[in-house]
Amino acid sequence: MLSDRVSTVNVEGFSQLSNALNFPFSRSIHTVRMTSLRPLRFRRRRVVQTVEALTELLGSLTLERQALRASAADSVALERNRVAIARAQWDLSHALIERHLPNPAAQNAA
């Protein structure tokens, strides 16, 4: 059997046995259906917030999400919070790019 040079173990039978033994330990995947609350894409805002203000906003949204999860909030509230967090992250990334990207006018002059 196992000590033979050529294995005589029935592989199909072994995998069926393995699946049957591991079935009680495998948990099913729980998914939440995404809603259409979010826009198709984010657009740039006319009023640009500072990096610090956006970081503070992101922190408060994260705390709000933790509170929502702790209170077992419904999926709509969690989705709205998720979209707000994604928007804040998007705004923050663009604010950081604008802060650290060299000025195009300075590049043309050089």
Protein backbone atom coordinates (compact mmCIF):
# COMPACT_ATOMS: atom_id res chain seq x y z
CA MET A 1 0.00 0.00 0.00
CA LEU A 2 1.75 3.13 1.23
CA SER A 3 5.19 1.55 1.35
CA ASP A 4 4.95 0.20 -2.20
CA ARG A 5 6.95 1.92 -4.88
CA VAL A 6 3.84 2.35 -6.97
CA SER A 7 0.92 3.55 -4.93
CA THR A 8 -2.10 1.29 -4.88
CA VAL A 9 -4.26 3.76 -2.93
CA ASN A 10 -7.47 4.65 -4.70
CA VAL A 11 -7.09 8.41 -5.09
CA GLU A 12 -10.76 9.09 -5.81
CA GLY A 13 -11.86 7.15 -2.75
CA PHE A 14 -9.29 8.97 -0.63
CA SER A 15 -10.42 12.43 -1.75
CA GLN A 16 -14.07 11.54 -1.11
CA LEU A 17 -13.14 10.32 2.36
CA SER A 18 -11.10 13.47 2.98
CA ASN A 19 -13.98 15.71 1.93
CA ALA A 20 -16.41 13.78 4.10
CA LEU A 21 -14.12 14.05 7.12
CA ASN A 22 -13.45 17.77 6.66
CA PHE A 23 -17.03 18.78 5.85
CA PRO A 24 -18.04 19.57 9.46
CA PHE A 25 -15.03 21.87 9.80
CA SER A 26 -15.56 23.92 6.68
CA ARG A 27 -17.77 26.95 7.10
CA SER A 28 -19.84 28.27 4.29
CA ILE A 29 -18.95 31.66 2.88
CA HIS A 30 -21.34 34.42 3.93
CA THR A 31 -21.67 37.20 1.41
CA VAL A 32 -23.67 40.39 1.40
CA ARG A 33 -25.25 41.49 -1.82
CA MET A 34 -23.87 44.83 -2.99
CA THR A 35 -26.37 47.57 -3.54
CA SER A 36 -26.47 50.35 -6.08
CA LEU A 37 -25.94 53.05 -3.46
CA ARG A 38 -22.55 53.95 -4.80
CA PRO A 39 -21.96 56.05 -7.89
CA LEU A 40 -20.36 54.43 -10.90
CA ARG A 41 -17.21 56.45 -10.27
CA PHE A 42 -16.14 59.27 -8.01
CA ARG A 43 -15.84 62.76 -9.39
CA ARG A 44 -13.48 65.48 -8.23
CA ARG A 45 -15.04 67.89 -5.76
CA ARG A 46 -14.91 71.60 -6.38
CA VAL A 47 -13.91 72.34 -2.79
CA VAL A 48 -10.65 70.59 -2.05
CA GLN A 49 -10.09 69.56 1.56
CA THR A 50 -6.67 69.39 3.18
CA VAL A 51 -4.85 66.12 3.74
CA GLU A 52 -5.22 66.59 7.49
CA ALA A 53 -8.98 67.18 7.30
CA LEU A 54 -9.44 64.11 5.08
CA THR A 55 -7.33 61.98 7.44
CA GLU A 56 -9.51 63.10 10.35
CA LEU A 57 -12.68 62.37 8.34
CA LEU A 58 -11.38 58.92 7.46
CA GLY A 59 -10.66 58.21 11.12
CA SER A 60 -14.17 59.22 12.19
CA LEU A 61 -15.75 57.13 9.41
CA THR A 62 -13.69 54.13 10.51
CA LEU A 63 -14.84 54.57 14.12
CA GLU A 64 -18.42 54.85 12.86
CA ARG A 65 -18.00 51.59 10.94
CA GLN A 66 -16.71 49.81 14.02
CA ALA A 67 -19.71 51.07 15.99
CA LEU A 68 -22.06 49.92 13.22
CA ARG A 69 -20.51 46.46 13.23
CA ALA A 70 -20.66 46.25 17.03
CA SER A 71 -24.34 47.16 17.03
CA ALA A 72 -25.13 44.68 14.22
CA ALA A 73 -26.34 47.41 11.88
CA ASP A 74 -28.22 46.53 8.71
CA SER A 75 -26.45 46.09 5.40
CA VAL A 76 -27.70 49.41 3.99
CA ALA A 77 -26.05 51.42 6.78
CA LEU A 78 -22.82 49.43 6.39
CA GLU A 79 -22.83 49.96 2.62
CA ARG A 80 -23.35 53.72 2.98
CA ASN A 81 -20.46 53.84 5.44
CA ARG A 82 -18.29 51.76 3.11
CA VAL A 83 -18.97 54.12 0.22
CA ALA A 84 -18.18 57.14 2.42
CA ILE A 85 -14.88 55.53 3.46
CA ALA A 86 -14.00 54.74 -0.16
CA ARG A 87 -14.82 58.32 -1.17
CA ALA A 88 -12.68 59.74 1.63
CA GLN A 89 -9.78 57.45 0.64
CA TRP A 90 -10.15 58.53 -2.98
CA ASP A 91 -10.17 62.22 -2.01
CA LEU A 92 -7.18 61.68 0.30
CA SER A 93 -5.14 59.99 -2.41
CA HIS A 94 -5.78 62.88 -4.81
CA ALA A 95 -5.00 65.46 -2.12
CA LEU A 96 -1.70 63.70 -1.43
CA ILE A 97 -0.88 63.58 -5.14
CA GLU A 98 -1.57 67.30 -5.48
CA ARG A 99 0.53 68.06 -2.40
CA HIS A 100 3.57 66.03 -3.45
CA LEU A 101 3.44 66.24 -7.24
CA PRO A 102 5.73 68.91 -8.58
CA ASN A 103 3.98 71.95 -9.98
CA PRO A 104 3.56 71.55 -13.79
CA ALA A 105 4.47 75.23 -14.32
CA ALA A 106 7.76 74.70 -12.47
CA GLN A 107 8.51 71.64 -14.61
CA ASN A 108 7.95 73.61 -17.84
CA ALA A 109 10.24 76.43 -16.66
CA ALA A 110 13.10 74.05 -15.86
